[in-house]
Amino acid sequence: MQYQYIPYIWLLMVSAVISLSLGIYALSRRRNSKGAISFILSMLVVTIWSLANALEMSATDFSTKLFWANVQYFAFGYSPVTLLALCLQFTGYDRWIQNKRILWFAIIPTITIILIWTDGMHGLMRYDMHMDYSGSFPVIAKKYGPVFFLHAVYAHSLNLAAGVILIRSLFFRNTVYRKQAAALLIGLCLIELPNILYISGISPVERFDITPIFIGPSGLVIAWGIFRLKLLDLVPLARTTVIETMDAGVMVLDLQNRVLDINPAFEKIVGLSASQISSRRADEVCGKIPELAKACMDSSITQTEFYLNTKETTRVYEVLLSPLTDSKGILIGRLAVTYDITEKKQAQQAFLKQQRKLAVIQERERMARDMHDNLGQVLGFINLQAQGIRQELINAGIEITTHKLNKLVDATQAAHHEIREYICNARNAAKLEKDFITELAKVIIRFEEQTGLRVKPDIPIDFTAQDLEPNVQLSVLNIVKEALNNIGKHAGADHVKIAFSLAREELSAAIEDDGMGFDVFNSHNGNQTRFGLDIMRERALEIGAQLDIESTPGKGSRIVLRVPISKGEGNRDETDVGR
């Protein structure tokens, strides 16, 4: 082997020293960093490229130059693979590295290296090789065979793929990701662009591949991105340990509602892998979940829920959608985060059951107080009447007390009827825990049986009263019942109508009759009418409702109950959650 001194080799030697030093530094100080192995291998192969290129340039005989030219193909073949591995780890595709699928990309470079060292036997890579002494130093002149162009297309395709991945990360990540992606993209371009100029024959330095000169600066830029911005420590680790392992499903959408990325939790929800959904529209990916598909396609929706049936149970999910903007505040996409709220719904269901039981207990306590007060008054009246009868029997005679005995019997029967009514109410309160509409229907049927009047109900089909708290349901039912009792006892009506209407924040219940009516302002003249209205007003006040009474003598009456409904509550029956 014969060599000569050429000043140009210093540029190559400096580049080799820089890349080698960076590789040694990463091996000794940063080898535990995620992705450090790919960086070390990249620096190793490009160091071989620079050194072999320098030795080929300074060699004077054909065989020596050919040997070092062949050595450079280790870098030509494997550097695109190591750079691609580096980019995959940075941008969150490190599963390609973990399951070693990246090794498949090394098959063609390996075949290329074998063919380059056996080129003299077939000429598939190069042919018609000879020394060219026309320049300032001798070089090997050659013509390229068909396999060389296959190798060139493949190598540049890998570099192009790495560039595309980095560009996507540059424009679809937040500010931190953008700076890191830019550092790696610049380093890649410093290697790729000079090589393209050399192969295309438009290099600024004729017959000389200047790519190895830029390897050192490229390594510095990449190292700055790795160790200064902690590109390989922070970004992949954060994504792997947080997004990849979190229980919540995460999906990233672009402005065309195409799915850019999902994490493993979201893969389980839609039953598709990240590779299967890449760049597909959200309505295709979420086609089996209509609520989720609608939310993803409609930018005005920021929150929704959906049910997902599995073999063992039914799961409930909540989806929160938020916009993604760049550093300038420009909208670039949307983020959908899906949470499993089955346990939360089950807890709410259990809490509602407890509320219903508490409401029943409170109503029974109220009934007990009413029974005590009313029964005490009746018993007091009976006691006074009994004393009067006794005194009359003593002073006058039996015949005189007949009228008072009749009053005593009437009062006793009224007390008995009232006690039975209270007991019936207590039983109905317990049944209300199951179904408000069913209990309302029973109240209407019972009223019709007792009075012979027909009630015309007007209830929306989708009204279930599930958006009302249990104590509110109970109070509404009892107010309706009391209104019907008043109509049956005092109105002398021929027709009765009950109408429910549901607005956004209010439930309205109206009870109308065509009876004799009464003077609302002078209703105190009738103690029984006054008593019934006072009970209804008291119940309405306890639940924060408004009770309006409209009546004119001879023209019937109309009682309207307006109940406020809390925002954010839905009508959906929650008893099937987790079933």
Protein backbone atom coordinates (compact mmCIF):
# COMPACT_ATOMS: atom_id res chain seq x y z
CA MET A 1 0.00 0.00 0.00
CA GLN A 2 1.42 3.37 -1.05
CA TYR A 3 0.19 6.78 0.20
CA GLN A 4 0.92 10.43 -0.43
CA TYR A 5 0.21 13.59 1.57
CA ILE A 6 -2.84 15.54 0.42
CA PRO A 7 -3.96 18.65 2.38
CA TYR A 8 -7.65 17.85 1.87
CA ILE A 9 -7.46 14.83 4.17
CA TRP A 10 -7.30 17.13 7.23
CA LEU A 11 -10.92 18.09 6.75
CA LEU A 12 -11.84 14.42 6.68
CA MET A 13 -9.64 13.58 9.69
CA VAL A 14 -11.17 16.40 11.76
CA SER A 15 -14.66 15.18 10.86
CA ALA A 16 -13.72 11.62 11.82
CA VAL A 17 -12.23 12.73 15.15
CA ILE A 18 -15.40 14.68 15.99
CA SER A 19 -17.75 11.81 15.17
CA LEU A 20 -15.55 9.27 16.99
CA SER A 21 -15.31 11.51 20.05
CA LEU A 22 -19.06 11.92 20.15
CA GLY A 23 -19.52 8.17 19.96
CA ILE A 24 -17.01 7.58 22.78
CA TYR A 25 -18.66 10.29 24.89
CA ALA A 26 -22.09 8.71 24.42
CA LEU A 27 -20.69 5.27 25.23
CA SER A 28 -18.94 6.37 28.42
CA ARG A 29 -21.35 9.01 29.74
CA ARG A 30 -24.75 8.51 28.13
CA ARG A 31 -25.00 4.85 27.23
CA ASN A 32 -28.02 4.35 29.54
CA SER A 33 -29.95 7.09 27.78
CA LYS A 34 -32.80 5.87 25.65
CA GLY A 35 -31.63 5.71 22.02
CA ALA A 36 -27.95 6.13 22.86
CA ILE A 37 -27.08 2.82 21.18
CA SER A 38 -28.48 4.02 17.85
CA PHE A 39 -26.49 7.25 18.17
CA ILE A 40 -23.26 5.37 19.00
CA LEU A 41 -23.70 3.05 16.00
CA SER A 42 -24.41 6.03 13.76
CA MET A 43 -21.21 7.78 14.89
CA LEU A 44 -19.22 4.56 14.40
CA VAL A 45 -20.28 3.98 10.79
CA VAL A 46 -19.83 7.63 9.75
CA THR A 47 -16.37 7.64 11.38
CA ILE A 48 -15.49 4.66 9.17
CA TRP A 49 -16.78 6.66 6.23
CA SER A 50 -14.55 9.70 6.94
CA LEU A 51 -11.39 7.71 7.74
CA ALA A 52 -11.76 5.34 4.78
CA ASN A 53 -12.43 8.29 2.48
CA ALA A 54 -9.27 10.05 3.70
CA LEU A 55 -7.17 6.91 3.19
CA GLU A 56 -8.64 6.34 -0.28
CA MET A 57 -7.78 9.92 -1.23
CA SER A 58 -4.16 9.66 -0.06
CA ALA A 59 -3.52 6.19 -1.61
CA THR A 60 -1.55 6.18 -4.87
CA ASP A 61 -2.11 2.66 -6.27
CA PHE A 62 -5.34 1.16 -7.61
CA SER A 63 -5.66 -1.81 -5.22
CA THR A 64 -5.28 0.35 -2.10
CA LYS A 65 -7.80 2.89 -3.31
CA LEU A 66 -10.25 0.09 -4.19
CA PHE A 67 -9.87 -1.48 -0.74
CA TRP A 68 -10.72 1.74 1.12
CA ALA A 69 -13.50 2.51 -1.35
CA ASN A 70 -15.04 -0.88 -0.50
CA VAL A 71 -14.66 -0.22 3.26
CA GLN A 72 -16.75 2.94 2.87
CA TYR A 73 -19.70 0.85 1.76
CA PHE A 74 -20.14 -0.29 5.37
CA ALA A 75 -21.10 3.33 6.05
CA PHE A 76 -22.99 3.76 2.77
CA GLY A 77 -25.18 0.76 3.61
CA TYR A 78 -25.68 0.93 7.38
CA SER A 79 -25.70 4.68 8.15
CA PRO A 80 -29.24 5.16 6.69
CA VAL A 81 -30.45 2.28 8.89
CA THR A 82 -28.90 3.66 12.10
CA LEU A 83 -30.18 7.18 11.37
CA LEU A 84 -33.68 5.83 10.73
CA ALA A 85 -33.53 3.93 14.03
CA LEU A 86 -32.53 7.16 15.77
CA CYS A 87 -35.48 9.02 14.27
CA LEU A 88 -37.95 6.22 15.06
CA GLN A 89 -36.93 6.22 18.72
CA PHE A 90 -37.26 10.00 18.97
CA THR A 91 -40.68 10.28 17.33
CA GLY A 92 -42.38 7.57 19.37
CA TYR A 93 -42.06 4.60 17.01
CA ASP A 94 -39.58 2.85 19.28
CA ARG A 95 -41.64 -0.35 19.12
CA TRP A 96 -39.82 -0.94 15.82
CA ILE A 97 -36.60 -0.99 17.81
CA GLN A 98 -37.90 -2.97 20.78
CA ASN A 99 -39.25 -5.83 18.69
CA LYS A 100 -36.16 -5.67 16.38
CA ARG A 101 -38.18 -5.09 13.21
CA ILE A 102 -35.60 -2.46 12.29
CA LEU A 103 -33.15 -5.30 11.53
CA TRP A 104 -35.13 -6.14 8.38
CA PHE A 105 -33.95 -2.83 6.91
CA ALA A 106 -30.34 -4.07 7.15
CA ILE A 107 -30.86 -6.98 4.75
CA ILE A 108 -30.35 -5.03 1.51
CA PRO A 109 -27.26 -3.14 2.85
CA THR A 110 -25.74 -6.49 3.85
CA ILE A 111 -26.31 -7.91 0.37
CA THR A 112 -24.85 -4.71 -1.11
CA ILE A 113 -21.65 -5.04 0.95
CA ILE A 114 -21.23 -8.67 -0.13
CA LEU A 115 -21.66 -7.67 -3.78
CA ILE A 116 -19.19 -4.77 -3.51
CA TRP A 117 -16.42 -7.03 -2.20
CA THR A 118 -17.08 -9.57 -4.96
CA ASP A 119 -17.58 -6.94 -7.64
CA GLY A 120 -14.73 -8.22 -9.78
CA MET A 121 -16.64 -11.45 -10.39
CA HIS A 122 -19.90 -9.94 -11.73
CA GLY A 123 -19.71 -6.14 -12.13
CA LEU A 124 -23.22 -5.62 -10.73
CA MET A 125 -22.07 -2.69 -8.57
CA ARG A 126 -19.24 -1.15 -10.65
CA TYR A 127 -17.39 -1.94 -13.83
CA ASP A 128 -14.78 -0.50 -16.17
CA MET A 129 -12.75 0.74 -13.18
CA HIS A 130 -9.37 2.40 -13.75
CA MET A 131 -7.13 5.14 -12.35
CA ASP A 132 -7.78 8.73 -13.37
CA TYR A 133 -4.70 11.00 -12.99
CA SER A 134 -6.23 14.13 -14.53
CA GLY A 135 -6.87 15.95 -11.23
CA SER A 136 -4.70 17.19 -8.37
CA PHE A 137 -4.67 13.66 -6.96
CA PRO A 138 -5.54 10.30 -8.59
CA VAL A 139 -9.04 8.85 -8.21
CA ILE A 140 -10.81 5.70 -9.36
CA ALA A 141 -12.90 6.28 -12.46
CA LYS A 142 -15.81 3.84 -12.81
CA LYS A 143 -19.20 3.14 -14.22
CA TYR A 144 -22.11 2.02 -12.03
CA GLY A 145 -23.88 -1.31 -12.43
CA PRO A 146 -27.64 -1.90 -11.99
CA VAL A 147 -27.44 -3.04 -8.34
CA PHE A 148 -25.65 0.20 -7.37
CA PHE A 149 -28.68 2.23 -8.41
CA LEU A 150 -30.91 -0.11 -6.42
CA HIS A 151 -28.67 0.46 -3.41
CA ALA A 152 -28.70 4.25 -3.95
CA VAL A 153 -32.49 4.41 -4.24
CA TYR A 154 -32.92 2.25 -1.15
CA ALA A 155 -30.44 4.23 1.00
CA HIS A 156 -31.92 7.57 0.03
CA SER A 157 -35.43 6.21 0.57
CA LEU A 158 -34.52 5.37 4.16
CA ASN A 159 -33.09 8.85 4.65
CA LEU A 160 -36.18 10.35 3.06
CA ALA A 161 -38.43 8.31 5.37
CA ALA A 162 -36.46 9.55 8.36
CA GLY A 163 -36.86 13.11 7.11
CA VAL A 164 -40.62 12.71 6.65
CA ILE A 165 -40.97 11.34 10.18
CA LEU A 166 -39.01 14.29 11.55
CA ILE A 167 -41.02 16.82 9.54
CA ARG A 168 -44.26 15.37 10.89
CA SER A 169 -42.87 15.65 14.38
CA LEU A 170 -41.71 19.19 13.61
CA PHE A 171 -45.18 20.40 12.58
CA PHE A 172 -47.47 18.26 14.74
CA ARG A 173 -45.76 18.41 18.12
CA ASN A 174 -45.59 21.11 20.77
CA THR A 175 -42.75 23.63 21.10
CA VAL A 176 -40.36 21.28 22.90
CA TYR A 177 -40.80 18.58 20.27
CA ARG A 178 -40.34 21.11 17.49
CA LYS A 179 -36.91 22.26 18.69
CA GLN A 180 -35.70 18.71 19.14
CA ALA A 181 -37.00 17.55 15.77
CA ALA A 182 -35.33 20.53 14.08
CA ALA A 183 -31.95 19.59 15.59
CA LEU A 184 -32.14 16.04 14.29
CA LEU A 185 -33.49 17.13 10.90
CA ILE A 186 -30.59 19.57 10.39
CA GLY A 187 -28.10 16.84 11.23
CA LEU A 188 -29.72 14.50 8.72
CA CYS A 189 -29.71 17.14 5.98
CA LEU A 190 -25.99 17.86 6.49
CA ILE A 191 -25.29 14.26 5.48
CA GLU A 192 -27.99 13.68 2.88
CA LEU A 193 -27.73 16.82 0.71
CA PRO A 194 -23.95 16.68 -0.06
CA ASN A 195 -24.27 12.99 -0.93
CA ILE A 196 -27.12 13.68 -3.36
CA LEU A 197 -25.02 16.42 -5.02
CA TYR A 198 -22.07 14.01 -5.43
CA ILE A 199 -24.13 11.16 -6.92
CA SER A 200 -25.94 13.52 -9.29
CA GLY A 201 -22.60 14.94 -10.53
CA ILE A 202 -23.24 18.55 -9.51
CA SER A 203 -20.97 18.63 -6.46
CA PRO A 204 -19.06 21.94 -6.06
CA VAL A 205 -15.84 19.91 -5.80
CA GLU A 206 -15.39 17.84 -8.95
CA ARG A 207 -14.73 14.09 -8.53
CA PHE A 208 -14.66 14.44 -4.75
CA ASP A 209 -17.44 13.29 -2.36
CA ILE A 210 -17.60 16.06 0.24
CA THR A 211 -20.21 14.24 2.35
CA PRO A 212 -17.69 12.91 4.95
CA ILE A 213 -16.55 16.48 5.65
CA PHE A 214 -20.03 17.31 6.97
CA ILE A 215 -20.28 14.20 9.13
CA GLY A 216 -18.52 15.87 12.08
CA PRO A 217 -20.73 19.01 12.09
CA SER A 218 -23.78 16.79 11.63
CA GLY A 219 -22.77 14.73 14.66
CA LEU A 220 -22.34 17.89 16.73
CA VAL A 221 -25.85 19.10 15.86
CA ILE A 222 -27.40 15.72 16.65
CA ALA A 223 -25.43 15.44 19.90
CA TRP A 224 -26.57 18.92 20.90
CA GLY A 225 -30.16 17.80 20.33
CA ILE A 226 -29.59 14.64 22.36
CA PHE A 227 -27.60 15.89 25.32
CA ARG A 228 -28.44 19.59 25.46
CA LEU A 229 -32.16 19.32 24.72
CA LYS A 230 -32.24 15.79 26.19
CA LEU A 231 -33.90 14.62 23.00
CA LEU A 232 -33.48 10.91 23.69
CA ASP A 233 -33.90 11.10 27.46
CA LEU A 234 -36.98 13.30 27.72
CA VAL A 235 -39.15 12.87 24.65
CA PRO A 236 -39.38 9.09 24.10
CA LEU A 237 -39.22 8.32 27.80
CA ALA A 238 -42.03 10.78 28.59
CA ARG A 239 -44.19 9.42 25.81
CA THR A 240 -43.48 5.80 26.67
CA THR A 241 -43.95 6.05 30.42
CA VAL A 242 -46.90 8.47 30.37
CA ILE A 243 -48.91 8.22 27.17
CA GLU A 244 -48.10 4.63 26.25
CA THR A 245 -48.81 3.26 29.75
CA MET A 246 -51.69 5.51 30.85
CA ASP A 247 -55.12 3.97 31.33
CA ALA A 248 -56.82 6.78 29.42
CA GLY A 249 -57.08 6.40 25.66
CA VAL A 250 -55.38 9.14 23.63
CA MET A 251 -56.02 9.96 19.96
CA VAL A 252 -54.52 12.79 17.88
CA LEU A 253 -56.53 14.21 14.95
CA ASP A 254 -55.44 16.62 12.24
CA LEU A 255 -57.58 19.38 10.74
CA GLN A 256 -59.06 16.92 8.21
CA ASN A 257 -60.20 14.66 11.09
CA ARG A 258 -57.61 12.05 10.18
CA VAL A 259 -56.11 9.97 12.97
CA LEU A 260 -52.39 10.65 13.37
CA ASP A 261 -51.65 8.59 16.45
CA ILE A 262 -53.27 6.55 19.23
CA ASN A 263 -51.87 4.96 22.38
CA PRO A 264 -52.31 1.29 23.44
CA ALA A 265 -55.29 2.13 25.69
CA PHE A 266 -57.16 3.61 22.73
CA GLU A 267 -56.17 0.63 20.58
CA LYS A 268 -58.12 -1.61 22.99
CA ILE A 269 -61.18 0.66 22.82
CA VAL A 270 -61.47 0.70 19.00
CA GLY A 271 -60.00 -2.78 18.49
CA LEU A 272 -57.38 -1.54 16.00
CA SER A 273 -53.62 -1.06 16.19
CA ALA A 274 -51.83 2.22 15.57
CA SER A 275 -50.41 0.91 12.29
CA GLN A 276 -53.91 0.03 11.05
CA ILE A 277 -55.41 3.46 11.66
CA SER A 278 -52.61 5.74 10.47
CA SER A 279 -54.04 8.65 8.41
CA ARG A 280 -57.51 7.10 8.27
CA ARG A 281 -60.56 9.28 8.98
CA ALA A 282 -61.93 9.28 12.51
CA ASP A 283 -65.39 8.10 11.41
CA GLU A 284 -63.77 5.00 9.89
CA VAL A 285 -61.61 4.25 12.92
CA CYS A 286 -64.50 4.80 15.37
CA GLY A 287 -67.24 3.45 13.13
CA LYS A 288 -68.38 0.87 15.73
CA ILE A 289 -68.86 3.63 18.32
CA PRO A 290 -71.27 6.20 16.78
CA GLU A 291 -71.10 8.64 19.71
CA LEU A 292 -67.31 8.75 19.55
CA ALA A 293 -67.25 9.06 15.75
CA LYS A 294 -69.73 11.95 15.86
CA ALA A 295 -67.70 13.79 18.51
CA CYS A 296 -64.48 13.40 16.49
CA MET A 297 -66.06 14.67 13.27
CA ASP A 298 -67.88 17.61 14.89
CA SER A 299 -65.42 20.26 16.11
CA SER A 300 -68.11 21.91 18.25
CA ILE A 301 -68.34 18.87 20.54
CA THR A 302 -65.94 19.00 23.48
CA GLN A 303 -67.36 16.24 25.67
CA THR A 304 -69.47 13.12 25.22
CA GLU A 305 -70.06 9.67 26.69
CA PHE A 306 -70.51 6.26 25.12
CA TYR A 307 -71.21 2.68 26.21
CA LEU A 308 -69.06 -0.24 25.07
CA ASN A 309 -70.25 -3.82 25.50
CA THR A 310 -67.71 -6.50 26.33
CA LYS A 311 -68.09 -10.21 27.03
CA GLU A 312 -68.34 -9.74 30.78
CA THR A 313 -69.84 -6.29 31.27
CA THR A 314 -70.83 -2.93 29.82
CA ARG A 315 -68.21 -0.21 30.18
CA VAL A 316 -68.93 3.52 30.15
CA TYR A 317 -66.42 6.00 28.70
CA GLU A 318 -66.16 9.78 28.76
CA VAL A 319 -64.40 11.60 25.90
CA LEU A 320 -62.86 15.05 26.30
CA LEU A 321 -61.79 16.79 23.09
CA SER A 322 -59.49 19.80 23.09
CA PRO A 323 -57.84 21.83 20.31
CA LEU A 324 -54.14 21.57 19.51
CA THR A 325 -52.39 24.80 18.55
CA ASP A 326 -48.84 25.68 17.63
CA SER A 327 -46.65 28.29 19.33
CA LYS A 328 -48.42 31.05 17.37
CA GLY A 329 -51.85 29.93 18.50
CA ILE A 330 -52.77 28.52 15.08
CA LEU A 331 -55.05 25.48 15.22
CA ILE A 332 -53.28 22.37 13.91
CA GLY A 333 -55.51 19.55 15.16
CA ARG A 334 -57.43 18.12 18.09
CA LEU A 335 -56.69 15.79 21.00
CA ALA A 336 -59.25 13.24 22.21
CA VAL A 337 -58.70 11.73 25.67
CA THR A 338 -61.01 8.86 26.68
CA TYR A 339 -61.57 7.84 30.30
CA ASP A 340 -63.26 4.72 31.66
CA ILE A 341 -65.90 6.08 34.06
CA THR A 342 -67.75 2.81 34.72
CA GLU A 343 -66.86 2.79 38.42
CA LYS A 344 -67.86 6.45 38.70
CA LYS A 345 -71.26 5.72 37.15
CA GLN A 346 -71.75 2.74 39.44
CA ALA A 347 -70.92 4.91 42.43
CA GLN A 348 -73.43 7.52 41.24
CA GLN A 349 -76.03 4.80 40.84
CA ALA A 350 -75.41 3.56 44.39
CA PHE A 351 -75.60 7.13 45.67
CA LEU A 352 -78.92 7.71 43.89
CA LYS A 353 -80.32 4.55 45.48
CA GLN A 354 -79.26 5.82 48.87
CA GLN A 355 -80.91 9.16 48.11
CA ARG A 356 -84.13 7.39 47.14
CA LYS A 357 -84.12 5.42 50.37
CA LEU A 358 -83.45 8.58 52.36
CA ALA A 359 -86.28 10.36 50.56
CA VAL A 360 -88.64 7.50 51.41
CA ILE A 361 -87.59 7.65 55.05
CA GLN A 362 -88.10 11.41 55.17
CA GLU A 363 -91.54 11.08 53.59
CA ARG A 364 -92.53 8.41 56.09
CA GLU A 365 -91.40 10.67 58.92
CA ARG A 366 -93.52 13.47 57.45
CA MET A 367 -96.51 11.14 57.26
CA ALA A 368 -95.94 10.06 60.85
CA ARG A 369 -96.00 13.71 61.93
CA ASP A 370 -99.14 14.38 59.90
CA MET A 371 -100.84 11.31 61.35
CA HIS A 372 -99.88 12.39 64.84
CA ASP A 373 -101.20 15.92 64.39
CA ASN A 374 -104.39 15.04 62.51
CA LEU A 375 -105.21 11.99 64.61
CA GLY A 376 -104.60 14.01 67.76
CA GLN A 377 -107.11 16.64 66.64
CA VAL A 378 -109.69 13.98 65.78
CA LEU A 379 -109.23 12.16 69.06
CA GLY A 380 -109.50 15.47 70.92
CA PHE A 381 -112.74 16.17 69.09
CA ILE A 382 -114.08 12.70 69.95
CA ASN A 383 -113.13 13.19 73.57
CA LEU A 384 -114.96 16.51 73.81
CA GLN A 385 -118.01 15.09 72.08
CA ALA A 386 -118.02 12.06 74.35
CA GLN A 387 -117.92 14.28 77.45
CA GLY A 388 -120.80 16.36 76.08
CA ILE A 389 -122.84 13.25 75.39
CA ARG A 390 -122.25 11.96 78.87
CA GLN A 391 -123.33 15.23 80.39
CA GLU A 392 -126.43 15.35 78.16
CA LEU A 393 -127.35 11.81 79.12
CA ILE A 394 -127.15 12.81 82.74
CA ASN A 395 -129.05 16.06 82.44
CA ALA A 396 -131.64 15.46 79.70
CA GLY A 397 -132.12 12.10 78.00
CA ILE A 398 -130.94 9.71 75.35
CA GLU A 399 -132.96 11.15 72.46
CA ILE A 400 -131.30 14.53 72.67
CA THR A 401 -127.82 13.08 72.00
CA THR A 402 -128.65 11.34 68.70
CA HIS A 403 -127.33 14.19 66.52
CA LYS A 404 -124.07 14.39 68.43
CA LEU A 405 -123.60 10.63 68.25
CA ASN A 406 -123.88 10.90 64.46
CA LYS A 407 -121.12 13.51 64.45
CA LEU A 408 -119.00 11.18 66.56
CA VAL A 409 -119.48 8.35 64.08
CA ASP A 410 -118.67 10.63 61.12
CA ALA A 411 -115.49 11.87 62.76
CA THR A 412 -114.39 8.34 63.57
CA GLN A 413 -114.97 7.18 59.99
CA ALA A 414 -113.04 10.18 58.63
CA ALA A 415 -110.11 9.41 60.92
CA HIS A 416 -110.15 5.78 59.82
CA HIS A 417 -110.19 6.75 56.14
CA GLU A 418 -107.32 9.21 56.63
CA ILE A 419 -105.19 6.61 58.42
CA ARG A 420 -105.71 4.16 55.57
CA GLU A 421 -104.78 6.87 53.06
CA TYR A 422 -101.54 7.61 54.91
CA ILE A 423 -100.61 3.92 55.00
CA CYS A 424 -101.25 3.69 51.24
CA ASN A 425 -99.03 6.75 50.69
CA ALA A 426 -96.20 5.17 52.70
CA ARG A 427 -96.34 2.03 50.56
CA ASN A 428 -96.37 4.03 47.35
CA ALA A 429 -93.35 6.03 48.54
CA ALA A 430 -91.35 2.83 48.79
CA LYS A 431 -92.50 1.74 45.33
CA LEU A 432 -91.51 5.12 43.85
CA GLU A 433 -87.89 4.01 44.18
CA LYS A 434 -88.52 1.76 41.17
CA ASP A 435 -90.44 3.87 38.64
CA PHE A 436 -91.97 7.36 38.87
CA ILE A 437 -94.12 6.98 35.74
CA THR A 438 -95.57 3.66 36.94
CA GLU A 439 -96.50 5.12 40.32
CA LEU A 440 -98.04 8.18 38.64
CA ALA A 441 -100.20 5.87 36.52
CA LYS A 442 -101.34 4.03 39.67
CA VAL A 443 -102.31 7.33 41.30
CA ILE A 444 -104.43 8.23 38.26
CA ILE A 445 -106.08 4.79 38.13
CA ARG A 446 -106.89 4.92 41.84
CA PHE A 447 -108.41 8.38 41.45
CA GLU A 448 -110.55 7.20 38.53
CA GLU A 449 -111.78 4.17 40.50
CA GLN A 450 -112.68 6.25 43.53
CA THR A 451 -114.37 9.16 41.73
CA GLY A 452 -115.58 7.74 38.44
CA LEU A 453 -113.89 10.62 36.61
CA ARG A 454 -111.66 10.01 33.61
CA VAL A 455 -108.22 11.64 33.64
CA LYS A 456 -106.58 12.64 30.36
CA PRO A 457 -102.78 12.36 30.80
CA ASP A 458 -100.40 14.25 28.51
CA ILE A 459 -96.85 12.99 29.21
CA PRO A 460 -93.91 13.20 26.74
CA ILE A 461 -92.75 9.79 25.53
CA ASP A 462 -89.11 10.42 26.48
CA PHE A 463 -89.94 11.73 29.97
CA THR A 464 -88.73 9.33 32.70
CA ALA A 465 -88.16 11.74 35.63
CA GLN A 466 -84.67 10.31 36.05
CA ASP A 467 -83.29 13.85 35.84
CA LEU A 468 -85.11 14.66 39.10
CA GLU A 469 -83.67 13.78 42.47
CA PRO A 470 -85.62 11.14 44.42
CA ASN A 471 -87.04 13.56 46.99
CA VAL A 472 -88.21 15.84 44.14
CA GLN A 473 -89.92 12.92 42.39
CA LEU A 474 -91.72 12.04 45.60
CA SER A 475 -92.88 15.61 46.22
CA VAL A 476 -94.13 16.04 42.63
CA LEU A 477 -96.11 12.80 42.90
CA ASN A 478 -97.69 13.83 46.21
CA ILE A 479 -98.59 17.32 44.93
CA VAL A 480 -100.36 15.73 41.96
CA LYS A 481 -102.10 13.32 44.29
CA GLU A 482 -103.25 16.12 46.62
CA ALA A 483 -104.52 18.16 43.65
CA LEU A 484 -106.56 15.18 42.44
CA ASN A 485 -107.95 14.60 45.94
CA ASN A 486 -109.14 18.22 46.07
CA ILE A 487 -110.79 17.86 42.66
CA GLY A 488 -112.52 14.63 43.70
CA LYS A 489 -113.82 16.08 46.98
CA HIS A 490 -114.73 19.65 46.11
CA ALA A 491 -114.66 20.48 42.37
CA GLY A 492 -117.70 18.59 41.03
CA ALA A 493 -115.82 18.28 37.72
CA ASP A 494 -116.62 16.20 34.64
CA HIS A 495 -113.16 16.20 33.06
CA VAL A 496 -109.64 16.22 34.47
CA LYS A 497 -106.35 16.65 32.60
CA ILE A 498 -102.74 16.17 33.74
CA ALA A 499 -99.97 17.51 31.46
CA PHE A 500 -96.18 17.29 31.88
CA SER A 501 -93.75 19.33 29.76
CA LEU A 502 -89.96 19.33 29.93
CA ALA A 503 -87.93 22.40 29.00
CA ARG A 504 -84.14 22.84 29.16
CA GLU A 505 -84.03 23.78 32.85
CA GLU A 506 -87.60 23.28 34.09
CA LEU A 507 -90.25 20.58 34.48
CA SER A 508 -93.84 21.79 34.33
CA ALA A 509 -96.79 19.75 35.69
CA ALA A 510 -100.33 21.11 35.16
CA ILE A 511 -103.54 19.67 36.70
CA GLU A 512 -106.77 21.08 35.21
CA ASP A 513 -110.50 20.46 35.82
CA ASP A 514 -113.79 21.91 34.54
CA GLY A 515 -115.49 21.95 37.95
CA MET A 516 -117.12 24.71 39.96
CA GLY A 517 -113.85 26.46 40.74
CA PHE A 518 -113.27 28.76 43.69
CA ASP A 519 -112.08 32.21 44.64
CA VAL A 520 -108.31 31.85 45.08
CA PHE A 521 -108.05 34.96 47.25
CA ASN A 522 -110.89 33.87 49.54
CA SER A 523 -110.12 30.17 49.69
CA HIS A 524 -109.73 30.52 53.44
CA ASN A 525 -113.54 30.40 53.63
CA GLY A 526 -113.31 26.69 53.02
CA ASN A 527 -111.02 25.11 55.59
CA GLN A 528 -110.60 21.82 53.70
CA THR A 529 -109.72 23.59 50.45
CA ARG A 530 -107.30 25.86 52.27
CA PHE A 531 -105.72 22.86 54.02
CA GLY A 532 -105.07 21.01 50.72
CA LEU A 533 -103.57 24.08 49.02
CA ASP A 534 -101.31 24.77 51.98
CA ILE A 535 -99.96 21.21 51.86
CA MET A 536 -99.15 21.56 48.15
CA ARG A 537 -97.46 24.92 48.67
CA GLU A 538 -95.38 23.52 51.51
CA ARG A 539 -94.18 20.59 49.42
CA ALA A 540 -93.35 22.87 46.48
CA LEU A 541 -91.37 25.22 48.72
CA GLU A 542 -89.27 22.35 50.10
CA ILE A 543 -88.02 21.36 46.64
CA GLY A 544 -87.51 24.93 45.40
CA ALA A 545 -90.47 24.73 43.01
CA GLN A 546 -93.14 27.31 42.14
CA LEU A 547 -96.86 26.53 42.53
CA ASP A 548 -99.35 28.69 40.57
CA ILE A 549 -103.08 28.33 41.24
CA GLU A 550 -105.59 29.71 38.75
CA SER A 551 -109.34 29.37 39.41
CA THR A 552 -112.57 31.28 38.88
CA PRO A 553 -115.91 30.28 40.39
CA GLY A 554 -117.93 28.36 37.84
CA LYS A 555 -115.01 27.99 35.38
CA GLY A 556 -112.85 25.27 36.87
CA SER A 557 -109.30 25.47 38.16
CA ARG A 558 -105.72 24.98 36.99
CA ILE A 559 -102.73 24.20 39.20
CA VAL A 560 -99.24 24.48 37.65
CA LEU A 561 -96.10 23.17 39.36
CA ARG A 562 -92.76 24.41 37.95
CA VAL A 563 -89.74 22.41 39.11
CA PRO A 564 -86.16 23.58 38.30
CA ILE A 565 -83.82 20.96 36.80
CA SER A 566 -80.09 21.02 37.47
CA LYS A 567 -77.83 21.51 34.42
CA GLY A 568 -75.64 18.65 33.19
CA GLU A 569 -78.03 15.87 34.25
CA GLY A 570 -79.28 13.44 31.65
CA ASN A 571 -82.29 11.19 31.23
CA ARG A 572 -80.44 8.00 30.56
CA ASP A 573 -81.20 5.16 32.92
CA GLU A 574 -78.05 4.27 34.75
CA THR A 575 -79.23 0.96 36.20
CA ASP A 576 -77.65 -0.95 33.33
CA VAL A 577 -74.12 0.34 34.01
CA GLY A 578 -71.71 -2.49 34.65
CA ARG A 579 -74.46 -5.05 34.19
